[in-house]
Amino acid sequence: MAMVSAQVPSASQVDKAGSRIRKAIRGEDIDQELVDRSVDVLYAWRAAHARPLASASMGLRSMVNTAGCTAEISQRLKRVPTIFDKLIREPTLALSRMQDVGGVRAVLRSVAEIQAVEKRIRMRRPVRGYSDYITAPRQSGYRGVHIIVEYGGRNIEIQLRTYVMHEWAITVERIGARLGTNLKQDGRHAIQLLMRAISEAMAIEESGGIVDEAMQDEIGMLREGAAPYLARPWRG
């Protein structure tokens, strides 16, 4: 296991570490001692998000209560293997600019409550980044609002979802874990096509609409295409 330094590395040190780790994952020729030191830097930088993350979690609880809403709130530090994956998936991303190393999530009862909490966040914290995946869902069908704010000098990502959106996202993660495949990213896997259509239907119902027969038929056909994957046993 990597040793975590008590000293918080500078942005320059973090970026150099990220570049070396990226090269190592790609299999490029790089001194192993440098790689080991770079991983230590990554762990130290990740650990530096822990206290700001705790503050963000408490702050979000306060903002949810002030907005008169009820929510399930959770927090997480991004796992190191997931950071590695993102470094490869986004080859131009500097490690120090990765904005979701610390993340806190509120699962709310409705889109109206998401809007109310978002308004409260904007009143309390400067917004450094914003993605509205409710108005414009991701290709995968993912819906939610992501807001980047600063706590303790660190960027923290706040995710806002309804229970319906959250259940969809958790289902995708569980199926992906069962198949040993990352289904969270945009793609054309049979499961992704099915879950995207289901997300569209959920959005219609969540807004008070009725899913028409054509969409129901499409979901049925996509479910048939995904059936071989859904029938596979859990990968242990």
Protein backbone atom coordinates (compact mmCIF):
# COMPACT_ATOMS: atom_id res chain seq x y z
CA MET A 1 0.00 0.00 0.00
CA ALA A 2 1.23 3.49 -0.81
CA MET A 3 2.44 5.64 2.06
CA VAL A 4 0.59 8.93 2.50
CA SER A 5 2.70 11.98 3.16
CA ALA A 6 1.47 14.44 5.81
CA GLN A 7 2.49 17.31 3.56
CA VAL A 8 -0.01 18.43 0.95
CA PRO A 9 1.66 18.43 -2.48
CA SER A 10 1.54 21.47 -4.75
CA ALA A 11 -0.54 21.55 -7.94
CA SER A 12 2.67 21.23 -9.96
CA GLN A 13 3.73 18.15 -8.01
CA VAL A 14 0.27 16.64 -8.43
CA ASP A 15 0.27 17.25 -12.19
CA LYS A 16 3.73 15.71 -12.59
CA ALA A 17 2.60 12.71 -10.56
CA GLY A 18 -0.50 12.32 -12.70
CA SER A 19 1.55 12.46 -15.89
CA ARG A 20 3.95 9.78 -14.65
CA ILE A 21 1.12 7.53 -13.47
CA ARG A 22 -0.62 7.88 -16.83
CA LYS A 23 2.58 6.87 -18.63
CA ALA A 24 3.05 3.88 -16.32
CA ILE A 25 -0.50 2.65 -16.89
CA ARG A 26 0.04 2.93 -20.65
CA GLY A 27 3.13 0.77 -20.31
CA GLU A 28 5.60 3.48 -21.26
CA ASP A 29 9.19 3.18 -20.04
CA ILE A 30 9.44 5.06 -16.74
CA ASP A 31 11.51 4.51 -13.60
CA GLN A 32 9.54 2.48 -11.04
CA GLU A 33 10.83 4.57 -8.13
CA LEU A 34 9.40 7.67 -9.80
CA VAL A 35 6.08 5.89 -10.27
CA ASP A 36 6.00 4.84 -6.61
CA ARG A 37 6.71 8.39 -5.46
CA SER A 38 4.02 9.67 -7.82
CA VAL A 39 1.47 7.30 -6.33
CA ASP A 40 2.44 8.58 -2.86
CA VAL A 41 1.78 12.13 -4.09
CA LEU A 42 -1.63 11.06 -5.42
CA TYR A 43 -2.58 9.49 -2.07
CA ALA A 44 -1.49 12.63 -0.20
CA TRP A 45 -3.45 14.88 -2.55
CA ARG A 46 -6.53 12.65 -2.30
CA ALA A 47 -6.28 12.66 1.51
CA ALA A 48 -6.19 16.47 1.46
CA HIS A 49 -9.80 16.39 0.28
CA ALA A 50 -11.09 14.52 3.34
CA ARG A 51 -11.65 17.46 5.68
CA PRO A 52 -13.13 19.76 2.98
CA LEU A 53 -15.41 16.87 2.01
CA ALA A 54 -16.68 16.54 5.57
CA SER A 55 -17.36 20.29 5.64
CA ALA A 56 -19.21 20.07 2.32
CA SER A 57 -21.36 17.24 3.64
CA MET A 58 -22.35 19.21 6.72
CA GLY A 59 -22.95 22.30 4.58
CA LEU A 60 -25.20 20.40 2.19
CA ARG A 61 -27.24 18.99 5.07
CA SER A 62 -27.75 22.53 6.35
CA MET A 63 -28.75 23.82 2.90
CA VAL A 64 -31.20 20.95 2.35
CA ASN A 65 -32.84 21.69 5.72
CA THR A 66 -32.94 25.44 5.07
CA ALA A 67 -34.61 24.78 1.71
CA GLY A 68 -37.32 22.82 3.55
CA CYS A 69 -36.42 19.55 1.82
CA THR A 70 -35.74 15.99 2.91
CA ALA A 71 -32.77 14.10 1.50
CA GLU A 72 -30.49 11.13 1.89
CA ILE A 73 -26.95 12.52 1.96
CA SER A 74 -23.75 10.58 1.42
CA GLN A 75 -20.11 11.39 0.73
CA ARG A 76 -17.11 9.65 -0.81
CA LEU A 77 -13.49 10.13 -1.76
CA LYS A 78 -12.88 8.87 -5.28
CA ARG A 79 -11.19 5.47 -5.18
CA VAL A 80 -7.60 5.46 -6.45
CA PRO A 81 -8.29 2.87 -9.21
CA THR A 82 -11.14 5.10 -10.41
CA ILE A 83 -8.73 8.06 -10.51
CA PHE A 84 -6.37 5.92 -12.61
CA ASP A 85 -9.24 5.07 -14.97
CA LYS A 86 -10.12 8.74 -15.39
CA LEU A 87 -6.51 9.69 -16.14
CA ILE A 88 -6.57 7.25 -19.05
CA ARG A 89 -10.10 8.08 -20.19
CA GLU A 90 -9.30 11.82 -20.26
CA PRO A 91 -5.68 11.97 -21.49
CA THR A 92 -5.45 15.79 -21.45
CA LEU A 93 -6.83 16.20 -17.93
CA ALA A 94 -4.28 17.50 -15.41
CA LEU A 95 -4.62 15.56 -12.16
CA SER A 96 -4.80 18.75 -10.07
CA ARG A 97 -7.84 19.83 -12.11
CA MET A 98 -9.83 16.66 -11.47
CA GLN A 99 -12.88 18.18 -9.80
CA ASP A 100 -14.66 15.13 -8.38
CA VAL A 101 -12.03 13.60 -6.10
CA GLY A 102 -14.30 14.56 -3.20
CA GLY A 103 -18.01 14.13 -3.78
CA VAL A 104 -21.19 14.55 -1.76
CA ARG A 105 -24.66 13.54 -2.92
CA ALA A 106 -28.21 14.46 -1.93
CA VAL A 107 -31.06 12.23 -3.06
CA LEU A 108 -34.26 14.26 -2.98
CA ARG A 109 -37.97 13.64 -3.50
CA SER A 110 -38.52 15.65 -6.69
CA VAL A 111 -36.99 17.82 -9.39
CA ALA A 112 -38.56 20.81 -7.63
CA GLU A 113 -36.56 19.96 -4.50
CA ILE A 114 -33.38 19.66 -6.59
CA GLN A 115 -34.04 23.16 -7.92
CA ALA A 116 -34.67 24.50 -4.42
CA VAL A 117 -31.43 23.01 -3.05
CA GLU A 118 -29.47 24.17 -6.10
CA LYS A 119 -30.74 27.71 -5.50
CA ARG A 120 -29.62 27.50 -1.88
CA ILE A 121 -26.16 26.23 -2.91
CA ARG A 122 -25.73 29.11 -5.35
CA MET A 123 -26.62 31.57 -2.58
CA ARG A 124 -24.08 30.07 -0.19
CA ARG A 125 -21.11 28.96 -2.31
CA PRO A 126 -19.37 30.25 -5.48
CA VAL A 127 -20.02 27.74 -8.27
CA ARG A 128 -16.85 26.62 -10.08
CA GLY A 129 -18.50 24.11 -12.41
CA TYR A 130 -22.01 23.04 -13.34
CA SER A 131 -23.63 20.25 -15.37
CA ASP A 132 -27.39 19.88 -15.72
CA TYR A 133 -28.00 16.30 -16.82
CA ILE A 134 -31.73 16.64 -16.18
CA THR A 135 -32.31 19.23 -18.89
CA ALA A 136 -29.74 17.48 -21.12
CA PRO A 137 -29.23 13.85 -20.00
CA ARG A 138 -26.01 12.08 -20.86
CA GLN A 139 -26.05 9.70 -23.82
CA SER A 140 -26.13 6.85 -21.30
CA GLY A 141 -29.42 8.16 -19.92
CA TYR A 142 -27.85 9.42 -16.69
CA ARG A 143 -29.80 12.27 -15.08
CA GLY A 144 -28.90 14.55 -12.21
CA VAL A 145 -27.33 17.90 -11.42
CA HIS A 146 -23.59 18.22 -10.66
CA ILE A 147 -22.27 21.37 -9.02
CA ILE A 148 -18.59 22.03 -8.27
CA VAL A 149 -17.98 24.24 -5.23
CA GLU A 150 -14.96 25.01 -3.08
CA TYR A 151 -14.46 23.99 0.53
CA GLY A 152 -11.15 24.43 2.31
CA GLY A 153 -9.34 25.27 -0.91
CA ARG A 154 -10.48 22.02 -2.61
CA ASN A 155 -13.05 21.49 -5.31
CA ILE A 156 -15.90 19.29 -4.15
CA GLU A 157 -18.58 17.91 -6.43
CA ILE A 158 -22.18 18.05 -5.21
CA GLN A 159 -24.57 15.66 -6.95
CA LEU A 160 -28.32 16.19 -6.73
CA ARG A 161 -30.68 13.41 -7.81
CA THR A 162 -34.26 12.35 -7.21
CA TYR A 163 -34.91 8.87 -5.83
CA VAL A 164 -35.95 7.76 -9.32
CA MET A 165 -32.70 9.04 -10.87
CA HIS A 166 -30.68 7.48 -8.07
CA GLU A 167 -32.31 4.07 -8.42
CA TRP A 168 -31.57 4.12 -12.16
CA ALA A 169 -27.91 5.01 -11.54
CA ILE A 170 -27.49 2.35 -8.85
CA THR A 171 -29.07 -0.26 -11.14
CA VAL A 172 -26.56 0.57 -13.88
CA GLU A 173 -23.67 0.23 -11.41
CA ARG A 174 -24.95 -3.11 -10.11
CA ILE A 175 -25.39 -4.58 -13.58
CA GLY A 176 -21.97 -3.30 -14.59
CA ALA A 177 -20.41 -4.91 -11.50
CA ARG A 178 -22.16 -8.19 -12.29
CA LEU A 179 -20.85 -8.15 -15.86
CA GLY A 180 -17.41 -6.78 -14.99
CA THR A 181 -18.04 -3.92 -17.42
CA ASN A 182 -18.11 -0.14 -16.90
CA LEU A 183 -21.62 0.77 -18.07
CA LYS A 184 -21.60 4.23 -16.46
CA GLN A 185 -19.84 5.88 -19.39
CA ASP A 186 -21.60 6.68 -22.67
CA GLY A 187 -21.59 3.74 -25.07
CA ARG A 188 -23.55 1.37 -27.30
CA HIS A 189 -23.63 -1.77 -25.16
CA ALA A 190 -27.02 -3.53 -25.25
CA ILE A 191 -27.51 -2.79 -21.55
CA GLN A 192 -26.69 0.89 -22.10
CA LEU A 193 -29.22 1.18 -24.91
CA LEU A 194 -31.87 -0.43 -22.72
CA MET A 195 -31.10 1.72 -19.69
CA ARG A 196 -31.11 4.89 -21.79
CA ALA A 197 -34.63 4.10 -23.01
CA ILE A 198 -35.75 3.25 -19.48
CA SER A 199 -34.33 6.57 -18.27
CA GLU A 200 -36.37 8.42 -20.90
CA ALA A 201 -39.50 6.63 -19.74
CA MET A 202 -38.71 7.40 -16.10
CA ALA A 203 -38.24 11.09 -16.93
CA ILE A 204 -41.63 11.20 -18.64
CA GLU A 205 -43.37 9.56 -15.68
CA GLU A 206 -41.47 11.68 -13.15
CA SER A 207 -42.73 14.84 -14.87
CA GLY A 208 -46.31 13.56 -14.72
CA GLY A 209 -46.53 12.28 -18.30
CA ILE A 210 -47.54 8.92 -19.70
CA VAL A 211 -45.15 6.64 -21.56
CA ASP A 212 -46.67 5.97 -24.97
CA GLU A 213 -47.03 2.58 -26.60
CA ALA A 214 -44.20 3.19 -29.07
CA MET A 215 -41.70 3.77 -26.26
CA GLN A 216 -42.97 0.74 -24.37
CA ASP A 217 -42.46 -1.37 -27.51
CA GLU A 218 -38.94 0.03 -27.93
CA ILE A 219 -38.07 -0.85 -24.34
CA GLY A 220 -39.44 -4.34 -24.89
CA MET A 221 -37.25 -4.88 -27.96
CA LEU A 222 -34.18 -3.48 -26.22
CA ARG A 223 -34.84 -5.73 -23.23
CA GLU A 224 -34.82 -8.74 -25.55
CA GLY A 225 -31.44 -7.62 -26.92
CA ALA A 226 -30.05 -7.19 -23.41
CA ALA A 227 -31.52 -10.46 -22.07
CA PRO A 228 -28.35 -12.58 -22.58
CA TYR A 229 -26.35 -10.10 -20.46
CA LEU A 230 -29.04 -9.77 -17.78
CA ALA A 231 -29.08 -13.56 -17.40
CA ARG A 232 -25.35 -13.80 -16.68
CA PRO A 233 -24.35 -14.74 -13.10
CA TRP A 234 -22.57 -12.36 -10.74
CA ARG A 235 -18.83 -12.08 -11.30
CA GLY A 236 -17.26 -12.85 -7.96
